[in-house]
């Protein structure tokens, strides 16, 4: 993996962890399990030429 792909993956994972925290504090508002495919999309964006 390239460093850009790892950066995108880390940023997306951090957002998902933030959503889990929001769910714990304010009750269930985000369905984080439904957002897991975005991890693959984040890595794919790193390899597309127009996102570099």
C-alpha atoms as a PDB file:
ATOM      1  CA  UNK A   1       0.000   0.000   0.000  1.00  0.00           C
ATOM      2  CA  UNK A   2       1.115   3.497  -0.690  1.00  0.00           C
ATOM      3  CA  UNK A   3       1.372   6.114   2.013  1.00  0.00           C
ATOM      4  CA  UNK A   4      -1.594   7.985   0.518  1.00  0.00           C
ATOM      5  CA  UNK A   5      -3.737   4.835   0.749  1.00  0.00           C
ATOM      6  CA  UNK A   6      -2.748   4.394   4.391  1.00  0.00           C
ATOM      7  CA  UNK A   7      -3.552   8.039   5.086  1.00  0.00           C
ATOM      8  CA  UNK A   8      -7.016   7.692   3.549  1.00  0.00           C
ATOM      9  CA  UNK A   9      -7.602   4.439   5.427  1.00  0.00           C
ATOM     10  CA  UNK A  10      -6.508   5.991   8.712  1.00  0.00           C
ATOM     11  CA  UNK A  11      -8.686   9.072   8.222  1.00  0.00           C
ATOM     12  CA  UNK A  12     -11.738   6.963   7.372  1.00  0.00           C
ATOM     13  CA  UNK A  13     -11.134   4.636  10.308  1.00  0.00           C
ATOM     14  CA  UNK A  14     -10.867   7.610  12.636  1.00  0.00           C
ATOM     15  CA  UNK A  15     -14.214   8.914  11.428  1.00  0.00           C
ATOM     16  CA  UNK A  16     -15.816   5.507  12.023  1.00  0.00           C
ATOM     17  CA  UNK A  17     -14.361   5.358  15.543  1.00  0.00           C
ATOM     18  CA  UNK A  18     -15.744   8.856  16.169  1.00  0.00           C
ATOM     19  CA  UNK A  19     -19.196   7.614  15.072  1.00  0.00           C
ATOM     20  CA  UNK A  20     -18.957   4.728  17.556  1.00  0.00           C
ATOM     21  CA  UNK A  21     -18.191   7.249  20.291  1.00  0.00           C
ATOM     22  CA  UNK A  22     -21.165   9.390  19.310  1.00  0.00           C
ATOM     23  CA  UNK A  23     -23.353   6.279  19.478  1.00  0.00           C
ATOM     24  CA  UNK A  24     -22.095   5.500  22.988  1.00  0.00           C
ATOM     25  CA  UNK A  25     -22.689   9.024  24.280  1.00  0.00           C
ATOM     26  CA  UNK A  26     -25.923  10.051  22.550  1.00  0.00           C
ATOM     27  CA  UNK A  27     -27.582   6.729  21.798  1.00  0.00           C
ATOM     28  CA  UNK A  28     -27.710   4.938  18.474  1.00  0.00           C
ATOM     29  CA  UNK A  29     -27.689   7.494  15.660  1.00  0.00           C
ATOM     30  CA  UNK A  30     -25.122   6.082  13.224  1.00  0.00           C
ATOM     31  CA  UNK A  31     -25.131   2.537  11.902  1.00  0.00           C
ATOM     32  CA  UNK A  32     -21.378   2.086  11.752  1.00  0.00           C
ATOM     33  CA  UNK A  33     -21.525  -1.499  10.451  1.00  0.00           C
ATOM     34  CA  UNK A  34     -23.234  -0.205   7.310  1.00  0.00           C
ATOM     35  CA  UNK A  35     -20.357   2.247   6.792  1.00  0.00           C
ATOM     36  CA  UNK A  36     -17.599  -0.409   6.742  1.00  0.00           C
ATOM     37  CA  UNK A  37     -17.473  -0.708   2.917  1.00  0.00           C
ATOM     38  CA  UNK A  38     -16.233   2.882   2.809  1.00  0.00           C
ATOM     39  CA  UNK A  39     -12.857   1.542   3.995  1.00  0.00           C
ATOM     40  CA  UNK A  40     -12.445  -0.178   0.632  1.00  0.00           C
ATOM     41  CA  UNK A  41     -13.583   2.928  -1.205  1.00  0.00           C
ATOM     42  CA  UNK A  42     -11.020   5.038   0.659  1.00  0.00           C
ATOM     43  CA  UNK A  43      -8.186   2.751  -0.440  1.00  0.00           C
ATOM     44  CA  UNK A  44      -9.472   2.664  -4.025  1.00  0.00           C
ATOM     45  CA  UNK A  45      -9.525   6.471  -4.149  1.00  0.00           C
ATOM     46  CA  UNK A  46      -5.816   6.506  -3.339  1.00  0.00           C
ATOM     47  CA  UNK A  47      -5.083   4.530  -6.511  1.00  0.00           C
ATOM     48  CA  UNK A  48      -7.262   6.557  -8.884  1.00  0.00           C
ATOM     49  CA  UNK A  49      -5.219   9.024 -10.914  1.00  0.00           C
ATOM     50  CA  UNK A  50      -7.472  12.067 -10.443  1.00  0.00           C
ATOM     51  CA  UNK A  51      -7.233  11.876  -6.607  1.00  0.00           C
ATOM     52  CA  UNK A  52      -3.435  12.004  -6.486  1.00  0.00           C
END
